[in-house]
């Protein structure tokens, strides 16, 4: 699993995101899925939990964390998040979403 945080300008510390906070919050998001069959989880009832859908779900969770300030104030400058889930060494799917309107 890869998460990519994108921005057009570095923050005042010349970084895109505090990687320590990003790793911490990503671990929390992923903990929801550890050792679980998503098709048996009530919150996902009736949803085709495809790799693509799961990538979107994780990206949305990370966007919520950024909005809440969990990745630090500098993270509010992030323009987009891309999440890639690797099914194997030859197959993967990605989902990318914007965090703020461009322009």
PDB file of N, CA and C in Angstrom:
ATOM      1  N   UNK A   1       0.849  -1.165   0.000  1.00  0.00           N
ATOM      2  CA  UNK A   1       0.000   0.000   0.000  1.00  0.00           C
ATOM      3  C   UNK A   1       0.892   1.223   0.000  1.00  0.00           C
ATOM      4  N   UNK A   2       0.608   2.154  -0.879  1.00  0.00           N
ATOM      5  CA  UNK A   2       1.342   3.407  -0.953  1.00  0.00           C
ATOM      6  C   UNK A   2       0.356   4.568  -0.866  1.00  0.00           C
ATOM      7  N   UNK A   3       0.726   5.574  -0.104  1.00  0.00           N
ATOM      8  CA  UNK A   3      -0.038   6.819  -0.068  1.00  0.00           C
ATOM      9  C   UNK A   3       0.896   7.927  -0.524  1.00  0.00           C
ATOM     10  N   UNK A   4       0.429   8.721  -1.473  1.00  0.00           N
ATOM     11  CA  UNK A   4       1.203   9.836  -1.998  1.00  0.00           C
ATOM     12  C   UNK A   4       0.464  11.126  -1.684  1.00  0.00           C
ATOM     13  N   UNK A   5       1.171  12.047  -1.075  1.00  0.00           N
ATOM     14  CA  UNK A   5       0.612  13.355  -0.747  1.00  0.00           C
ATOM     15  C   UNK A   5       1.218  14.349  -1.727  1.00  0.00           C
ATOM     16  N   UNK A   6       0.361  15.147  -2.387  1.00  0.00           N
ATOM     17  CA  UNK A   6       0.828  16.048  -3.436  1.00  0.00           C
ATOM     18  C   UNK A   6       0.484  17.494  -3.115  1.00  0.00           C
ATOM     19  N   UNK A   7       1.413  18.367  -3.459  1.00  0.00           N
ATOM     20  CA  UNK A   7       1.153  19.800  -3.334  1.00  0.00           C
ATOM     21  C   UNK A   7       1.999  20.545  -4.349  1.00  0.00           C
ATOM     22  N   UNK A   8       1.551  21.726  -4.727  1.00  0.00           N
ATOM     23  CA  UNK A   8       2.274  22.504  -5.733  1.00  0.00           C
ATOM     24  C   UNK A   8       3.416  23.303  -5.141  1.00  0.00           C
ATOM     25  N   UNK A   9       3.341  23.636  -3.865  1.00  0.00           N
ATOM     26  CA  UNK A   9       4.385  24.399  -3.179  1.00  0.00           C
ATOM     27  C   UNK A   9       4.708  23.710  -1.860  1.00  0.00           C
ATOM     28  N   UNK A  10       5.992  23.705  -1.493  1.00  0.00           N
ATOM     29  CA  UNK A  10       6.383  23.169  -0.197  1.00  0.00           C
ATOM     30  C   UNK A  10       5.905  24.113   0.904  1.00  0.00           C
ATOM     31  N   UNK A  11       5.749  23.582   2.112  1.00  0.00           N
ATOM     32  CA  UNK A  11       5.325  24.443   3.217  1.00  0.00           C
ATOM     33  C   UNK A  11       6.525  25.256   3.735  1.00  0.00           C
ATOM     34  N   UNK A  12       6.317  25.980   4.812  1.00  0.00           N
ATOM     35  CA  UNK A  12       7.375  26.858   5.335  1.00  0.00           C
ATOM     36  C   UNK A  12       8.594  26.092   5.844  1.00  0.00           C
ATOM     37  N   UNK A  13       8.439  24.788   6.097  1.00  0.00           N
ATOM     38  CA  UNK A  13       9.565  23.935   6.504  1.00  0.00           C
ATOM     39  C   UNK A  13      10.153  23.171   5.312  1.00  0.00           C
ATOM     40  N   UNK A  14       9.705  23.529   4.098  1.00  0.00           N
ATOM     41  CA  UNK A  14      10.167  22.891   2.859  1.00  0.00           C
ATOM     42  C   UNK A  14       9.838  21.403   2.780  1.00  0.00           C
ATOM     43  N   UNK A  15       8.643  21.044   3.254  1.00  0.00           N
ATOM     44  CA  UNK A  15       8.170  19.660   3.149  1.00  0.00           C
ATOM     45  C   UNK A  15       6.763  19.634   2.570  1.00  0.00           C
ATOM     46  N   UNK A  16       6.364  18.466   2.124  1.00  0.00           N
ATOM     47  CA  UNK A  16       4.999  18.260   1.638  1.00  0.00           C
ATOM     48  C   UNK A  16       4.089  17.937   2.815  1.00  0.00           C
ATOM     49  N   UNK A  17       4.541  16.993   3.671  1.00  0.00           N
ATOM     50  CA  UNK A  17       3.762  16.590   4.839  1.00  0.00           C
ATOM     51  C   UNK A  17       4.728  16.055   5.892  1.00  0.00           C
ATOM     52  N   UNK A  18       4.352  16.163   7.134  1.00  0.00           N
ATOM     53  CA  UNK A  18       5.126  15.557   8.212  1.00  0.00           C
ATOM     54  C   UNK A  18       4.966  14.045   8.079  1.00  0.00           C
ATOM     55  N   UNK A  19       6.018  13.379   7.601  1.00  0.00           N
ATOM     56  CA  UNK A  19       5.921  11.957   7.292  1.00  0.00           C
ATOM     57  C   UNK A  19       5.645  11.121   8.541  1.00  0.00           C
ATOM     58  N   UNK A  20       6.115  11.565   9.688  1.00  0.00           N
ATOM     59  CA  UNK A  20       5.837  10.858  10.939  1.00  0.00           C
ATOM     60  C   UNK A  20       4.356  10.864  11.261  1.00  0.00           C
ATOM     61  N   UNK A  21       3.731  12.042  11.168  1.00  0.00           N
ATOM     62  CA  UNK A  21       2.287  12.132  11.410  1.00  0.00           C
ATOM     63  C   UNK A  21       1.504  11.375  10.349  1.00  0.00           C
ATOM     64  N   UNK A  22       1.944  11.475   9.101  1.00  0.00           N
ATOM     65  CA  UNK A  22       1.255  10.769   8.015  1.00  0.00           C
ATOM     66  C   UNK A  22       1.308   9.262   8.244  1.00  0.00           C
ATOM     67  N   UNK A  23       2.462   8.751   8.635  1.00  0.00           N
ATOM     68  CA  UNK A  23       2.607   7.316   8.889  1.00  0.00           C
ATOM     69  C   UNK A  23       1.728   6.883  10.052  1.00  0.00           C
ATOM     70  N   UNK A  24       1.702   7.672  11.098  1.00  0.00           N
ATOM     71  CA  UNK A  24       0.878   7.367  12.270  1.00  0.00           C
ATOM     72  C   UNK A  24      -0.604   7.309  11.900  1.00  0.00           C
ATOM     73  N   UNK A  25      -1.068   8.323  11.190  1.00  0.00           N
ATOM     74  CA  UNK A  25      -2.492   8.370  10.837  1.00  0.00           C
ATOM     75  C   UNK A  25      -2.856   7.280   9.826  1.00  0.00           C
ATOM     76  N   UNK A  26      -1.962   7.013   8.893  1.00  0.00           N
ATOM     77  CA  UNK A  26      -2.207   5.944   7.925  1.00  0.00           C
ATOM     78  C   UNK A  26      -2.295   4.594   8.634  1.00  0.00           C
ATOM     79  N   UNK A  27      -1.436   4.365   9.609  1.00  0.00           N
ATOM     80  CA  UNK A  27      -1.492   3.114  10.373  1.00  0.00           C
ATOM     81  C   UNK A  27      -2.840   2.958  11.062  1.00  0.00           C
ATOM     82  N   UNK A  28      -3.354   4.052  11.596  1.00  0.00           N
ATOM     83  CA  UNK A  28      -4.669   4.014  12.236  1.00  0.00           C
ATOM     84  C   UNK A  28      -5.781   3.689  11.257  1.00  0.00           C
ATOM     85  N   UNK A  29      -5.709   4.275  10.071  1.00  0.00           N
ATOM     86  CA  UNK A  29      -6.716   3.996   9.039  1.00  0.00           C
ATOM     87  C   UNK A  29      -6.650   2.527   8.621  1.00  0.00           C
ATOM     88  N   UNK A  30      -5.440   2.019   8.412  1.00  0.00           N
ATOM     89  CA  UNK A  30      -5.272   0.639   7.958  1.00  0.00           C
ATOM     90  C   UNK A  30      -5.642  -0.382   9.028  1.00  0.00           C
ATOM     91  N   UNK A  31      -5.545  -0.012  10.304  1.00  0.00           N
ATOM     92  CA  UNK A  31      -5.892  -0.927  11.394  1.00  0.00           C
ATOM     93  C   UNK A  31      -7.342  -1.405  11.282  1.00  0.00           C
ATOM     94  N   UNK A  32      -8.174  -0.580  10.686  1.00  0.00           N
ATOM     95  CA  UNK A  32      -9.596  -0.924  10.494  1.00  0.00           C
ATOM     96  C   UNK A  32      -9.757  -2.185   9.637  1.00  0.00           C
ATOM     97  N   UNK A  33      -8.752  -2.494   8.813  1.00  0.00           N
ATOM     98  CA  UNK A  33      -8.875  -3.589   7.860  1.00  0.00           C
ATOM     99  C   UNK A  33      -8.052  -4.827   8.214  1.00  0.00           C
ATOM    100  N   UNK A  34      -7.184  -4.714   9.210  1.00  0.00           N
ATOM    101  CA  UNK A  34      -6.303  -5.834   9.550  1.00  0.00           C
ATOM    102  C   UNK A  34      -7.090  -7.077   9.954  1.00  0.00           C
ATOM    103  N   UNK A  35      -6.764  -8.186   9.310  1.00  0.00           N
ATOM    104  CA  UNK A  35      -7.321  -9.499   9.640  1.00  0.00           C
ATOM    105  C   UNK A  35      -8.846  -9.527   9.622  1.00  0.00           C
ATOM    106  N   UNK A  36      -9.424  -8.823   8.660  1.00  0.00           N
ATOM    107  CA  UNK A  36     -10.885  -8.805   8.536  1.00  0.00           C
ATOM    108  C   UNK A  36     -11.292  -9.139   7.103  1.00  0.00           C
ATOM    109  N   UNK A  37     -12.366  -9.868   6.980  1.00  0.00           N
ATOM    110  CA  UNK A  37     -13.001 -10.091   5.686  1.00  0.00           C
ATOM    111  C   UNK A  37     -14.010  -8.964   5.524  1.00  0.00           C
ATOM    112  N   UNK A  38     -13.724  -8.029   4.636  1.00  0.00           N
ATOM    113  CA  UNK A  38     -14.578  -6.847   4.512  1.00  0.00           C
ATOM    114  C   UNK A  38     -16.007  -7.199   4.111  1.00  0.00           C
ATOM    115  N   UNK A  39     -16.177  -8.298   3.411  1.00  0.00           N
ATOM    116  CA  UNK A  39     -17.523  -8.700   3.012  1.00  0.00           C
ATOM    117  C   UNK A  39     -18.369  -9.128   4.214  1.00  0.00           C
ATOM    118  N   UNK A  40     -17.743  -9.360   5.356  1.00  0.00           N
ATOM    119  CA  UNK A  40     -18.463  -9.750   6.563  1.00  0.00           C
ATOM    120  C   UNK A  40     -18.644  -8.586   7.539  1.00  0.00           C
ATOM    121  N   UNK A  41     -18.118  -7.415   7.199  1.00  0.00           N
ATOM    122  CA  UNK A  41     -18.230  -6.247   8.073  1.00  0.00           C
ATOM    123  C   UNK A  41     -19.544  -5.516   7.809  1.00  0.00           C
ATOM    124  N   UNK A  42     -20.367  -5.299   8.846  1.00  0.00           N
ATOM    125  CA  UNK A  42     -21.663  -4.635   8.664  1.00  0.00           C
ATOM    126  C   UNK A  42     -21.577  -3.270   7.976  1.00  0.00           C
ATOM    127  N   UNK A  43     -20.517  -2.502   8.258  1.00  0.00           N
ATOM    128  CA  UNK A  43     -20.404  -1.162   7.664  1.00  0.00           C
ATOM    129  C   UNK A  43     -20.198  -1.201   6.157  1.00  0.00           C
ATOM    130  N   UNK A  44     -19.794  -2.362   5.617  1.00  0.00           N
ATOM    131  CA  UNK A  44     -19.564  -2.496   4.187  1.00  0.00           C
ATOM    132  C   UNK A  44     -20.615  -3.368   3.510  1.00  0.00           C
ATOM    133  N   UNK A  45     -21.713  -3.627   4.200  1.00  0.00           N
ATOM    134  CA  UNK A  45     -22.778  -4.472   3.646  1.00  0.00           C
ATOM    135  C   UNK A  45     -23.297  -3.868   2.342  1.00  0.00           C
ATOM    136  N   UNK A  46     -23.411  -4.711   1.329  1.00  0.00           N
ATOM    137  CA  UNK A  46     -23.947  -4.282   0.046  1.00  0.00           C
ATOM    138  C   UNK A  46     -22.962  -3.529  -0.830  1.00  0.00           C
ATOM    139  N   UNK A  47     -21.710  -3.412  -0.392  1.00  0.00           N
ATOM    140  CA  UNK A  47     -20.686  -2.691  -1.152  1.00  0.00           C
ATOM    141  C   UNK A  47     -19.730  -3.698  -1.768  1.00  0.00           C
ATOM    142  N   UNK A  48     -19.431  -3.521  -3.051  1.00  0.00           N
ATOM    143  CA  UNK A  48     -18.401  -4.323  -3.692  1.00  0.00           C
ATOM    144  C   UNK A  48     -17.063  -3.739  -3.246  1.00  0.00           C
ATOM    145  N   UNK A  49     -16.436  -4.382  -2.280  1.00  0.00           N
ATOM    146  CA  UNK A  49     -15.200  -3.853  -1.700  1.00  0.00           C
ATOM    147  C   UNK A  49     -14.009  -4.211  -2.593  1.00  0.00           C
ATOM    148  N   UNK A  50     -14.037  -3.698  -3.804  1.00  0.00           N
ATOM    149  CA  UNK A  50     -12.956  -3.908  -4.769  1.00  0.00           C
ATOM    150  C   UNK A  50     -11.696  -3.200  -4.291  1.00  0.00           C
ATOM    151  N   UNK A  51     -10.591  -3.527  -4.890  1.00  0.00           N
ATOM    152  CA  UNK A  51      -9.330  -2.854  -4.586  1.00  0.00           C
ATOM    153  C   UNK A  51      -9.463  -1.356  -4.846  1.00  0.00           C
ATOM    154  N   UNK A  52     -10.127  -1.006  -5.936  1.00  0.00           N
ATOM    155  CA  UNK A  52     -10.314   0.408  -6.280  1.00  0.00           C
ATOM    156  C   UNK A  52     -11.153   1.120  -5.225  1.00  0.00           C
ATOM    157  N   UNK A  53     -12.222   0.467  -4.786  1.00  0.00           N
ATOM    158  CA  UNK A  53     -13.085   1.067  -3.768  1.00  0.00           C
ATOM    159  C   UNK A  53     -12.307   1.250  -2.468  1.00  0.00           C
ATOM    160  N   UNK A  54     -11.520   0.249  -2.106  1.00  0.00           N
ATOM    161  CA  UNK A  54     -10.747   0.327  -0.873  1.00  0.00           C
ATOM    162  C   UNK A  54      -9.712   1.456  -0.950  1.00  0.00           C
ATOM    163  N   UNK A  55      -9.083   1.645  -2.098  1.00  0.00           N
ATOM    164  CA  UNK A  55      -8.143   2.746  -2.279  1.00  0.00           C
ATOM    165  C   UNK A  55      -8.858   4.088  -2.091  1.00  0.00           C
ATOM    166  N   UNK A  56     -10.058   4.206  -2.643  1.00  0.00           N
ATOM    167  CA  UNK A  56     -10.842   5.437  -2.471  1.00  0.00           C
ATOM    168  C   UNK A  56     -11.207   5.647  -1.008  1.00  0.00           C
ATOM    169  N   UNK A  57     -11.650   4.595  -0.354  1.00  0.00           N
ATOM    170  CA  UNK A  57     -12.042   4.680   1.057  1.00  0.00           C
ATOM    171  C   UNK A  57     -10.859   5.163   1.915  1.00  0.00           C
ATOM    172  N   UNK A  58      -9.687   4.616   1.679  1.00  0.00           N
ATOM    173  CA  UNK A  58      -8.497   5.020   2.431  1.00  0.00           C
ATOM    174  C   UNK A  58      -8.142   6.472   2.118  1.00  0.00           C
ATOM    175  N   UNK A  59      -8.193   6.862   0.857  1.00  0.00           N
ATOM    176  CA  UNK A  59      -7.912   8.257   0.476  1.00  0.00           C
ATOM    177  C   UNK A  59      -8.895   9.208   1.161  1.00  0.00           C
ATOM    178  N   UNK A  60     -10.162   8.836   1.205  1.00  0.00           N
ATOM    179  CA  UNK A  60     -11.166   9.674   1.864  1.00  0.00           C
ATOM    180  C   UNK A  60     -10.898   9.788   3.365  1.00  0.00           C
ATOM    181  N   UNK A  61     -10.493   8.680   3.983  1.00  0.00           N
ATOM    182  CA  UNK A  61     -10.163   8.701   5.415  1.00  0.00           C
ATOM    183  C   UNK A  61      -8.974   9.631   5.673  1.00  0.00           C
ATOM    184  N   UNK A  62      -7.954   9.543   4.823  1.00  0.00           N
ATOM    185  CA  UNK A  62      -6.791  10.418   4.973  1.00  0.00           C
ATOM    186  C   UNK A  62      -7.173  11.885   4.767  1.00  0.00           C
ATOM    187  N   UNK A  63      -8.045  12.150   3.805  1.00  0.00           N
ATOM    188  CA  UNK A  63      -8.513  13.521   3.576  1.00  0.00           C
ATOM    189  C   UNK A  63      -9.215  14.057   4.815  1.00  0.00           C
ATOM    190  N   UNK A  64     -10.007  13.212   5.453  1.00  0.00           N
ATOM    191  CA  UNK A  64     -10.683  13.625   6.693  1.00  0.00           C
ATOM    192  C   UNK A  64      -9.670  13.934   7.791  1.00  0.00           C
ATOM    193  N   UNK A  65      -8.617  13.126   7.877  1.00  0.00           N
ATOM    194  CA  UNK A  65      -7.569  13.357   8.880  1.00  0.00           C
ATOM    195  C   UNK A  65      -6.861  14.685   8.631  1.00  0.00           C
ATOM    196  N   UNK A  66      -6.593  14.984   7.366  1.00  0.00           N
ATOM    197  CA  UNK A  66      -5.947  16.258   7.016  1.00  0.00           C
ATOM    198  C   UNK A  66      -6.856  17.418   7.385  1.00  0.00           C
ATOM    199  N   UNK A  67      -8.120  17.305   7.033  1.00  0.00           N
ATOM    200  CA  UNK A  67      -9.089  18.357   7.329  1.00  0.00           C
ATOM    201  C   UNK A  67      -9.193  18.623   8.830  1.00  0.00           C
ATOM    202  N   UNK A  68      -9.096  17.552   9.630  1.00  0.00           N
ATOM    203  CA  UNK A  68      -9.190  17.677  11.087  1.00  0.00           C
ATOM    204  C   UNK A  68      -7.893  18.164  11.720  1.00  0.00           C
ATOM    205  N   UNK A  69      -6.822  18.299  10.929  1.00  0.00           N
ATOM    206  CA  UNK A  69      -5.559  18.793  11.451  1.00  0.00           C
ATOM    207  C   UNK A  69      -4.650  17.712  12.026  1.00  0.00           C
ATOM    208  N   UNK A  70      -5.006  16.436  11.842  1.00  0.00           N
ATOM    209  CA  UNK A  70      -4.231  15.334  12.422  1.00  0.00           C
ATOM    210  C   UNK A  70      -2.845  15.186  11.809  1.00  0.00           C
ATOM    211  N   UNK A  71      -2.629  15.730  10.612  1.00  0.00           N
ATOM    212  CA  UNK A  71      -1.314  15.660   9.977  1.00  0.00           C
ATOM    213  C   UNK A  71      -0.561  16.990  10.103  1.00  0.00           C
ATOM    214  N   UNK A  72      -1.017  17.851  10.988  1.00  0.00           N
ATOM    215  CA  UNK A  72      -0.380  19.131  11.229  1.00  0.00           C
ATOM    216  C   UNK A  72      -0.973  20.237  10.370  1.00  0.00           C
ATOM    217  N   UNK A  73      -0.741  21.448  10.797  1.00  0.00           N
ATOM    218  CA  UNK A  73      -1.287  22.609  10.073  1.00  0.00           C
ATOM    219  C   UNK A  73      -0.735  22.715   8.660  1.00  0.00           C
ATOM    220  N   UNK A  74       0.520  22.369   8.462  1.00  0.00           N
ATOM    221  CA  UNK A  74       1.125  22.446   7.139  1.00  0.00           C
ATOM    222  C   UNK A  74       0.448  21.556   6.122  1.00  0.00           C
ATOM    223  N   UNK A  75      -0.203  20.499   6.587  1.00  0.00           N
ATOM    224  CA  UNK A  75      -0.858  19.560   5.678  1.00  0.00           C
ATOM    225  C   UNK A  75      -2.086  20.171   4.999  1.00  0.00           C
ATOM    226  N   UNK A  76      -2.573  21.280   5.526  1.00  0.00           N
ATOM    227  CA  UNK A  76      -3.722  21.927   4.890  1.00  0.00           C
ATOM    228  C   UNK A  76      -3.375  22.438   3.493  1.00  0.00           C
ATOM    229  N   UNK A  77      -2.087  22.511   3.157  1.00  0.00           N
ATOM    230  CA  UNK A  77      -1.662  22.921   1.824  1.00  0.00           C
ATOM    231  C   UNK A  77      -1.582  21.777   0.826  1.00  0.00           C
ATOM    232  N   UNK A  78      -1.875  20.567   1.257  1.00  0.00           N
ATOM    233  CA  UNK A  78      -1.840  19.423   0.338  1.00  0.00           C
ATOM    234  C   UNK A  78      -2.986  19.558  -0.655  1.00  0.00           C
ATOM    235  N   UNK A  79      -2.663  19.363  -1.933  1.00  0.00           N
ATOM    236  CA  UNK A  79      -3.649  19.506  -2.998  1.00  0.00           C
ATOM    237  C   UNK A  79      -4.367  18.206  -3.338  1.00  0.00           C
ATOM    238  N   UNK A  80      -3.664  17.069  -3.174  1.00  0.00           N
ATOM    239  CA  UNK A  80      -4.248  15.789  -3.590  1.00  0.00           C
ATOM    240  C   UNK A  80      -3.589  14.638  -2.835  1.00  0.00           C
ATOM    241  N   UNK A  81      -4.314  13.545  -2.789  1.00  0.00           N
ATOM    242  CA  UNK A  81      -3.817  12.294  -2.205  1.00  0.00           C
ATOM    243  C   UNK A  81      -4.039  11.203  -3.241  1.00  0.00           C
ATOM    244  N   UNK A  82      -3.042  10.337  -3.400  1.00  0.00           N
ATOM    245  CA  UNK A  82      -3.192   9.147  -4.242  1.00  0.00           C
ATOM    246  C   UNK A  82      -2.892   7.933  -3.370  1.00  0.00           C
ATOM    247  N   UNK A  83      -3.752   6.932  -3.440  1.00  0.00           N
ATOM    248  CA  UNK A  83      -3.565   5.688  -2.701  1.00  0.00           C
ATOM    249  C   UNK A  83      -3.477   4.560  -3.717  1.00  0.00           C
ATOM    250  N   UNK A  84      -2.423   3.757  -3.594  1.00  0.00           N
ATOM    251  CA  UNK A  84      -2.219   2.606  -4.463  1.00  0.00           C
ATOM    252  C   UNK A  84      -2.201   1.349  -3.604  1.00  0.00           C
ATOM    253  N   UNK A  85      -3.018   0.379  -3.979  1.00  0.00           N
ATOM    254  CA  UNK A  85      -3.054  -0.915  -3.298  1.00  0.00           C
ATOM    255  C   UNK A  85      -2.499  -1.961  -4.239  1.00  0.00           C
ATOM    256  N   UNK A  86      -1.541  -2.713  -3.757  1.00  0.00           N
ATOM    257  CA  UNK A  86      -0.876  -3.742  -4.556  1.00  0.00           C
ATOM    258  C   UNK A  86      -1.501  -5.096  -4.260  1.00  0.00           C
ATOM    259  N   UNK A  87      -2.132  -5.688  -5.274  1.00  0.00           N
ATOM    260  CA  UNK A  87      -2.683  -7.028  -5.117  1.00  0.00           C
ATOM    261  C   UNK A  87      -1.590  -8.078  -5.269  1.00  0.00           C
ATOM    262  N   UNK A  88      -0.616  -7.785  -6.091  1.00  0.00           N
ATOM    263  CA  UNK A  88       0.526  -8.671  -6.302  1.00  0.00           C
ATOM    264  C   UNK A  88       1.643  -7.835  -6.916  1.00  0.00           C
ATOM    265  N   UNK A  89       2.746  -8.486  -7.306  1.00  0.00           N
ATOM    266  CA  UNK A  89       3.851  -7.746  -7.905  1.00  0.00           C
ATOM    267  C   UNK A  89       3.543  -7.280  -9.333  1.00  0.00           C
ATOM    268  N   UNK A  90       2.446  -7.760  -9.918  1.00  0.00           N
ATOM    269  CA  UNK A  90       2.093  -7.348 -11.277  1.00  0.00           C
ATOM    270  C   UNK A  90       0.716  -6.677 -11.377  1.00  0.00           C
ATOM    271  N   UNK A  91      -0.014  -6.591 -10.274  1.00  0.00           N
ATOM    272  CA  UNK A  91      -1.363  -6.010 -10.330  1.00  0.00           C
ATOM    273  C   UNK A  91      -1.586  -5.075  -9.152  1.00  0.00           C
ATOM    274  N   UNK A  92      -2.048  -3.863  -9.463  1.00  0.00           N
ATOM    275  CA  UNK A  92      -2.359  -2.886  -8.438  1.00  0.00           C
ATOM    276  C   UNK A  92      -3.391  -1.920  -8.982  1.00  0.00           C
ATOM    277  N   UNK A  93      -4.006  -1.182  -8.078  1.00  0.00           N
ATOM    278  CA  UNK A  93      -4.982  -0.173  -8.464  1.00  0.00           C
ATOM    279  C   UNK A  93      -4.738   1.069  -7.624  1.00  0.00           C
ATOM    280  N   UNK A  94      -4.974   2.232  -8.248  1.00  0.00           N
ATOM    281  CA  UNK A  94      -4.781   3.501  -7.561  1.00  0.00           C
ATOM    282  C   UNK A  94      -6.043   4.342  -7.643  1.00  0.00           C
ATOM    283  N   UNK A  95      -6.191   5.190  -6.650  1.00  0.00           N
ATOM    284  CA  UNK A  95      -7.262   6.178  -6.646  1.00  0.00           C
ATOM    285  C   UNK A  95      -6.639   7.494  -6.190  1.00  0.00           C
ATOM    286  N   UNK A  96      -6.936   8.563  -6.904  1.00  0.00           N
ATOM    287  CA  UNK A  96      -6.432   9.877  -6.550  1.00  0.00           C
ATOM    288  C   UNK A  96      -7.591  10.830  -6.394  1.00  0.00           C
ATOM    289  N   UNK A  97      -7.519  11.670  -5.364  1.00  0.00           N
ATOM    290  CA  UNK A  97      -8.563  12.672  -5.145  1.00  0.00           C
ATOM    291  C   UNK A  97      -7.949  14.010  -4.778  1.00  0.00           C
ATOM    292  N   UNK A  98      -8.624  15.052  -5.208  1.00  0.00           N
ATOM    293  CA  UNK A  98      -8.215  16.415  -4.863  1.00  0.00           C
ATOM    294  C   UNK A  98      -8.684  16.718  -3.438  1.00  0.00           C
ATOM    295  N   UNK A  99      -7.961  17.611  -2.778  1.00  0.00           N
ATOM    296  CA  UNK A  99      -8.356  18.009  -1.437  1.00  0.00           C
ATOM    297  C   UNK A  99      -8.999  19.390  -1.398  1.00  0.00           C
ATOM    298  N   UNK A 100      -8.649  20.188  -2.372  1.00  0.00           N
ATOM    299  CA  UNK A 100      -9.256  21.520  -2.422  1.00  0.00           C
ATOM    300  C   UNK A 100      -9.468  21.877  -3.873  1.00  0.00           C
ATOM    301  N   UNK A 101     -10.416  22.744  -4.108  1.00  0.00           N
ATOM    302  CA  UNK A 101     -10.649  23.135  -5.497  1.00  0.00           C
ATOM    303  C   UNK A 101      -9.429  23.836  -6.086  1.00  0.00           C
ATOM    304  N   UNK A 102      -9.135  23.527  -7.330  1.00  0.00           N
ATOM    305  CA  UNK A 102      -8.008  24.201  -7.979  1.00  0.00           C
ATOM    306  C   UNK A 102      -8.450  25.566  -8.472  1.00  0.00           C
ATOM    307  N   UNK A 103      -7.474  26.430  -8.667  1.00  0.00           N
ATOM    308  CA  UNK A 103      -7.778  27.755  -9.183  1.00  0.00           C
ATOM    309  C   UNK A 103      -7.675  28.719  -8.131  1.00  0.00           C
TER     310      UNK A 103
END
